Protein backbone atom coordinates (compact mmCIF):
# COMPACT_ATOMS: atom_id res chain seq x y z
CA UNK A 1 0.00 0.00 0.00
CA UNK A 2 1.32 3.40 -0.93
CA UNK A 3 2.14 5.94 1.71
CA UNK A 4 0.16 9.16 1.93
CA UNK A 5 3.15 11.06 0.55
CA UNK A 6 3.35 8.76 -2.50
CA UNK A 7 -0.40 9.18 -3.09
CA UNK A 8 -0.07 12.95 -2.80
CA UNK A 9 2.84 12.99 -5.27
CA UNK A 10 0.78 10.95 -7.73
CA UNK A 11 -2.21 13.30 -7.39
CA UNK A 12 -0.06 16.39 -7.89
CA UNK A 13 1.60 14.86 -10.96
CA UNK A 14 -1.85 14.21 -12.47
CA UNK A 15 -2.90 17.76 -11.61
CA UNK A 16 0.31 19.10 -13.17
CA UNK A 17 -0.39 17.18 -16.38
CA UNK A 18 -3.92 18.57 -16.54
CA UNK A 19 -2.66 22.09 -15.83
CA UNK A 20 -0.07 21.86 -18.62
CA UNK A 21 -2.77 20.89 -21.13
CA UNK A 22 -5.29 23.62 -20.24
CA UNK A 23 -4.57 25.81 -17.19
CA UNK A 24 -7.90 27.66 -17.04
CA UNK A 25 -10.00 24.52 -17.45
CA UNK A 26 -7.88 22.70 -14.87
CA UNK A 27 -8.35 25.48 -12.29
CA UNK A 28 -12.10 25.56 -12.97
CA UNK A 29 -12.36 21.79 -12.51
CA UNK A 30 -10.23 21.93 -9.39
CA UNK A 31 -12.45 24.65 -7.93
CA UNK A 32 -15.58 22.62 -8.73
CA UNK A 33 -14.10 19.63 -6.90
CA UNK A 34 -13.14 21.87 -3.98
CA UNK A 35 -16.65 23.34 -3.88
CA UNK A 36 -18.30 19.90 -3.89
CA UNK A 37 -15.94 18.73 -1.14
CA UNK A 38 -16.80 21.74 1.03
CA UNK A 39 -20.55 21.26 0.43
CA UNK A 40 -20.32 17.62 1.50
CA UNK A 41 -18.32 18.57 4.59
CA UNK A 42 -20.89 21.18 5.68
CA UNK A 43 -23.82 18.83 5.27
CA UNK A 44 -21.97 16.01 7.04
CA UNK A 45 -21.20 18.31 9.98
CA UNK A 46 -24.66 19.84 10.26
CA UNK A 47 -26.57 16.60 9.94
CA UNK A 48 -25.04 15.34 13.22
CA UNK A 49 -24.52 11.82 11.82
CA UNK A 50 -28.24 11.43 11.12
CA UNK A 51 -28.49 9.75 7.69
CA UNK A 52 -32.16 10.73 7.29
CA UNK A 53 -31.45 14.39 8.02
CA UNK A 54 -28.44 14.33 5.69
CA UNK A 55 -30.61 12.98 2.86
CA UNK A 56 -33.33 15.56 3.53
CA UNK A 57 -30.78 18.39 3.47
CA UNK A 58 -29.30 17.18 0.17
CA UNK A 59 -32.80 16.81 -1.29
CA UNK A 60 -33.72 20.33 -0.15
CA UNK A 61 -30.48 21.75 -1.60
CA UNK A 62 -31.07 20.01 -4.92
CA UNK A 63 -34.70 21.19 -5.05
CA UNK A 64 -33.63 24.74 -4.20
CA UNK A 65 -31.06 24.70 -7.01
CA UNK A 66 -33.59 23.19 -9.45
CA UNK A 67 -36.27 25.76 -8.63
CA UNK A 68 -33.87 28.66 -9.11
CA UNK A 69 -32.03 27.44 -12.21
CA UNK A 70 -34.68 25.47 -14.10
CA UNK A 71 -38.02 26.87 -12.97
CA UNK A 72 -36.71 30.46 -12.58
CA UNK A 73 -38.47 30.89 -9.23
CA UNK A 74 -37.30 33.76 -7.01
CA UNK A 75 -34.68 32.66 -4.46
CA UNK A 76 -36.81 33.52 -1.41
CA UNK A 77 -39.77 31.52 -2.64
CA UNK A 78 -37.56 28.62 -3.76
CA UNK A 79 -35.89 28.62 -0.34
CA UNK A 80 -39.22 28.30 1.47
CA UNK A 81 -40.47 25.59 -0.86
CA UNK A 82 -37.27 23.56 -0.52
CA UNK A 83 -36.94 23.50 3.25
CA UNK A 84 -40.66 22.95 3.84
CA UNK A 85 -40.99 20.21 1.23
CA UNK A 86 -38.18 18.19 2.78
CA UNK A 87 -38.94 19.09 6.41
CA UNK A 88 -35.58 20.69 7.17
CA UNK A 89 -35.26 23.23 9.97
CA UNK A 90 -35.30 26.75 8.56
CA UNK A 91 -32.24 27.93 10.52
CA UNK A 92 -30.30 24.80 9.60
CA UNK A 93 -31.11 25.24 5.91
CA UNK A 94 -30.23 28.94 6.07
CA UNK A 95 -26.83 28.06 7.52
CA UNK A 96 -26.18 25.46 4.85
CA UNK A 97 -27.11 27.80 1.98
CA UNK A 98 -25.04 30.65 3.47
CA UNK A 99 -22.05 28.33 3.85
CA UNK A 100 -22.38 27.34 0.19
CA UNK A 101 -22.42 31.01 -0.83
CA UNK A 102 -19.30 31.64 1.22
CA UNK A 103 -17.51 28.79 -0.55
CA UNK A 104 -18.52 30.15 -3.94
CA UNK A 105 -16.81 33.43 -3.06
CA UNK A 106 -13.61 31.46 -2.44
CA UNK A 107 -13.15 31.37 -6.20
CA UNK A 108 -12.63 35.13 -6.09
CA UNK A 109 -10.23 34.95 -3.16
CA UNK A 110 -8.39 31.61 -2.86
CA UNK A 111 -8.38 30.95 -6.59
CA UNK A 112 -7.96 34.50 -7.91
CA UNK A 113 -4.21 34.28 -8.50
CA UNK A 114 -4.52 31.02 -10.42
CA UNK A 115 -6.02 32.54 -13.56
C-alpha atoms as a PDB file:
ATOM      1  CA  UNK A   1       0.000   0.000   0.000  1.00  0.00           C
ATOM      2  CA  UNK A   2       1.317   3.400  -0.933  1.00  0.00           C
ATOM      3  CA  UNK A   3       2.139   5.939   1.710  1.00  0.00           C
ATOM      4  CA  UNK A   4       0.164   9.159   1.931  1.00  0.00           C
ATOM      5  CA  UNK A   5       3.155  11.060   0.548  1.00  0.00           C
ATOM      6  CA  UNK A   6       3.347   8.763  -2.500  1.00  0.00           C
ATOM      7  CA  UNK A   7      -0.396   9.182  -3.086  1.00  0.00           C
ATOM      8  CA  UNK A   8      -0.066  12.945  -2.802  1.00  0.00           C
ATOM      9  CA  UNK A   9       2.838  12.993  -5.269  1.00  0.00           C
ATOM     10  CA  UNK A  10       0.776  10.945  -7.726  1.00  0.00           C
ATOM     11  CA  UNK A  11      -2.214  13.301  -7.390  1.00  0.00           C
ATOM     12  CA  UNK A  12      -0.062  16.390  -7.893  1.00  0.00           C
ATOM     13  CA  UNK A  13       1.599  14.859 -10.959  1.00  0.00           C
ATOM     14  CA  UNK A  14      -1.853  14.206 -12.468  1.00  0.00           C
ATOM     15  CA  UNK A  15      -2.899  17.760 -11.605  1.00  0.00           C
ATOM     16  CA  UNK A  16       0.309  19.104 -13.174  1.00  0.00           C
ATOM     17  CA  UNK A  17      -0.385  17.182 -16.382  1.00  0.00           C
ATOM     18  CA  UNK A  18      -3.920  18.572 -16.541  1.00  0.00           C
ATOM     19  CA  UNK A  19      -2.663  22.093 -15.829  1.00  0.00           C
ATOM     20  CA  UNK A  20      -0.065  21.861 -18.616  1.00  0.00           C
ATOM     21  CA  UNK A  21      -2.768  20.893 -21.129  1.00  0.00           C
ATOM     22  CA  UNK A  22      -5.294  23.624 -20.243  1.00  0.00           C
ATOM     23  CA  UNK A  23      -4.574  25.808 -17.191  1.00  0.00           C
ATOM     24  CA  UNK A  24      -7.903  27.661 -17.038  1.00  0.00           C
ATOM     25  CA  UNK A  25     -10.002  24.522 -17.449  1.00  0.00           C
ATOM     26  CA  UNK A  26      -7.875  22.703 -14.867  1.00  0.00           C
ATOM     27  CA  UNK A  27      -8.349  25.481 -12.294  1.00  0.00           C
ATOM     28  CA  UNK A  28     -12.104  25.564 -12.966  1.00  0.00           C
ATOM     29  CA  UNK A  29     -12.364  21.788 -12.507  1.00  0.00           C
ATOM     30  CA  UNK A  30     -10.233  21.927  -9.386  1.00  0.00           C
ATOM     31  CA  UNK A  31     -12.451  24.651  -7.930  1.00  0.00           C
ATOM     32  CA  UNK A  32     -15.576  22.625  -8.728  1.00  0.00           C
ATOM     33  CA  UNK A  33     -14.102  19.633  -6.903  1.00  0.00           C
ATOM     34  CA  UNK A  34     -13.143  21.870  -3.976  1.00  0.00           C
ATOM     35  CA  UNK A  35     -16.647  23.341  -3.881  1.00  0.00           C
ATOM     36  CA  UNK A  36     -18.302  19.901  -3.895  1.00  0.00           C
ATOM     37  CA  UNK A  37     -15.941  18.733  -1.143  1.00  0.00           C
ATOM     38  CA  UNK A  38     -16.802  21.736   1.027  1.00  0.00           C
ATOM     39  CA  UNK A  39     -20.547  21.257   0.432  1.00  0.00           C
ATOM     40  CA  UNK A  40     -20.316  17.625   1.501  1.00  0.00           C
ATOM     41  CA  UNK A  41     -18.322  18.568   4.586  1.00  0.00           C
ATOM     42  CA  UNK A  42     -20.890  21.183   5.683  1.00  0.00           C
ATOM     43  CA  UNK A  43     -23.821  18.829   5.269  1.00  0.00           C
ATOM     44  CA  UNK A  44     -21.971  16.012   7.041  1.00  0.00           C
ATOM     45  CA  UNK A  45     -21.199  18.314   9.979  1.00  0.00           C
ATOM     46  CA  UNK A  46     -24.661  19.843  10.255  1.00  0.00           C
ATOM     47  CA  UNK A  47     -26.570  16.597   9.936  1.00  0.00           C
ATOM     48  CA  UNK A  48     -25.044  15.335  13.215  1.00  0.00           C
ATOM     49  CA  UNK A  49     -24.523  11.817  11.818  1.00  0.00           C
ATOM     50  CA  UNK A  50     -28.238  11.432  11.116  1.00  0.00           C
ATOM     51  CA  UNK A  51     -28.489   9.755   7.689  1.00  0.00           C
ATOM     52  CA  UNK A  52     -32.158  10.725   7.295  1.00  0.00           C
ATOM     53  CA  UNK A  53     -31.445  14.390   8.024  1.00  0.00           C
ATOM     54  CA  UNK A  54     -28.435  14.326   5.687  1.00  0.00           C
ATOM     55  CA  UNK A  55     -30.614  12.980   2.859  1.00  0.00           C
ATOM     56  CA  UNK A  56     -33.331  15.563   3.526  1.00  0.00           C
ATOM     57  CA  UNK A  57     -30.775  18.389   3.473  1.00  0.00           C
ATOM     58  CA  UNK A  58     -29.300  17.177   0.170  1.00  0.00           C
ATOM     59  CA  UNK A  59     -32.802  16.808  -1.292  1.00  0.00           C
ATOM     60  CA  UNK A  60     -33.716  20.326  -0.153  1.00  0.00           C
ATOM     61  CA  UNK A  61     -30.480  21.747  -1.599  1.00  0.00           C
ATOM     62  CA  UNK A  62     -31.069  20.012  -4.923  1.00  0.00           C
ATOM     63  CA  UNK A  63     -34.702  21.190  -5.048  1.00  0.00           C
ATOM     64  CA  UNK A  64     -33.628  24.736  -4.200  1.00  0.00           C
ATOM     65  CA  UNK A  65     -31.062  24.696  -7.012  1.00  0.00           C
ATOM     66  CA  UNK A  66     -33.592  23.192  -9.452  1.00  0.00           C
ATOM     67  CA  UNK A  67     -36.275  25.764  -8.635  1.00  0.00           C
ATOM     68  CA  UNK A  68     -33.871  28.662  -9.115  1.00  0.00           C
ATOM     69  CA  UNK A  69     -32.032  27.438 -12.211  1.00  0.00           C
ATOM     70  CA  UNK A  70     -34.676  25.472 -14.101  1.00  0.00           C
ATOM     71  CA  UNK A  71     -38.018  26.870 -12.970  1.00  0.00           C
ATOM     72  CA  UNK A  72     -36.713  30.457 -12.580  1.00  0.00           C
ATOM     73  CA  UNK A  73     -38.472  30.890  -9.231  1.00  0.00           C
ATOM     74  CA  UNK A  74     -37.297  33.756  -7.015  1.00  0.00           C
ATOM     75  CA  UNK A  75     -34.677  32.663  -4.457  1.00  0.00           C
ATOM     76  CA  UNK A  76     -36.808  33.518  -1.411  1.00  0.00           C
ATOM     77  CA  UNK A  77     -39.775  31.519  -2.637  1.00  0.00           C
ATOM     78  CA  UNK A  78     -37.556  28.616  -3.757  1.00  0.00           C
ATOM     79  CA  UNK A  79     -35.891  28.622  -0.344  1.00  0.00           C
ATOM     80  CA  UNK A  80     -39.222  28.295   1.473  1.00  0.00           C
ATOM     81  CA  UNK A  81     -40.473  25.595  -0.860  1.00  0.00           C
ATOM     82  CA  UNK A  82     -37.268  23.560  -0.515  1.00  0.00           C
ATOM     83  CA  UNK A  83     -36.944  23.500   3.252  1.00  0.00           C
ATOM     84  CA  UNK A  84     -40.662  22.951   3.839  1.00  0.00           C
ATOM     85  CA  UNK A  85     -40.994  20.214   1.225  1.00  0.00           C
ATOM     86  CA  UNK A  86     -38.184  18.189   2.776  1.00  0.00           C
ATOM     87  CA  UNK A  87     -38.941  19.086   6.410  1.00  0.00           C
ATOM     88  CA  UNK A  88     -35.576  20.690   7.166  1.00  0.00           C
ATOM     89  CA  UNK A  89     -35.261  23.228   9.969  1.00  0.00           C
ATOM     90  CA  UNK A  90     -35.299  26.750   8.555  1.00  0.00           C
ATOM     91  CA  UNK A  91     -32.241  27.934  10.520  1.00  0.00           C
ATOM     92  CA  UNK A  92     -30.303  24.805   9.598  1.00  0.00           C
ATOM     93  CA  UNK A  93     -31.110  25.236   5.911  1.00  0.00           C
ATOM     94  CA  UNK A  94     -30.233  28.944   6.065  1.00  0.00           C
ATOM     95  CA  UNK A  95     -26.832  28.058   7.519  1.00  0.00           C
ATOM     96  CA  UNK A  96     -26.183  25.455   4.846  1.00  0.00           C
ATOM     97  CA  UNK A  97     -27.108  27.800   1.984  1.00  0.00           C
ATOM     98  CA  UNK A  98     -25.044  30.654   3.467  1.00  0.00           C
ATOM     99  CA  UNK A  99     -22.045  28.328   3.852  1.00  0.00           C
ATOM    100  CA  UNK A 100     -22.383  27.342   0.194  1.00  0.00           C
ATOM    101  CA  UNK A 101     -22.422  31.006  -0.834  1.00  0.00           C
ATOM    102  CA  UNK A 102     -19.297  31.636   1.223  1.00  0.00           C
ATOM    103  CA  UNK A 103     -17.506  28.787  -0.548  1.00  0.00           C
ATOM    104  CA  UNK A 104     -18.524  30.155  -3.944  1.00  0.00           C
ATOM    105  CA  UNK A 105     -16.807  33.428  -3.062  1.00  0.00           C
ATOM    106  CA  UNK A 106     -13.609  31.456  -2.436  1.00  0.00           C
ATOM    107  CA  UNK A 107     -13.150  31.369  -6.203  1.00  0.00           C
ATOM    108  CA  UNK A 108     -12.632  35.127  -6.090  1.00  0.00           C
ATOM    109  CA  UNK A 109     -10.228  34.951  -3.159  1.00  0.00           C
ATOM    110  CA  UNK A 110      -8.393  31.615  -2.857  1.00  0.00           C
ATOM    111  CA  UNK A 111      -8.378  30.949  -6.591  1.00  0.00           C
ATOM    112  CA  UNK A 112      -7.957  34.499  -7.914  1.00  0.00           C
ATOM    113  CA  UNK A 113      -4.213  34.284  -8.498  1.00  0.00           C
ATOM    114  CA  UNK A 114      -4.522  31.017 -10.417  1.00  0.00           C
ATOM    115  CA  UNK A 115      -6.022  32.542 -13.559  1.00  0.00           C
END
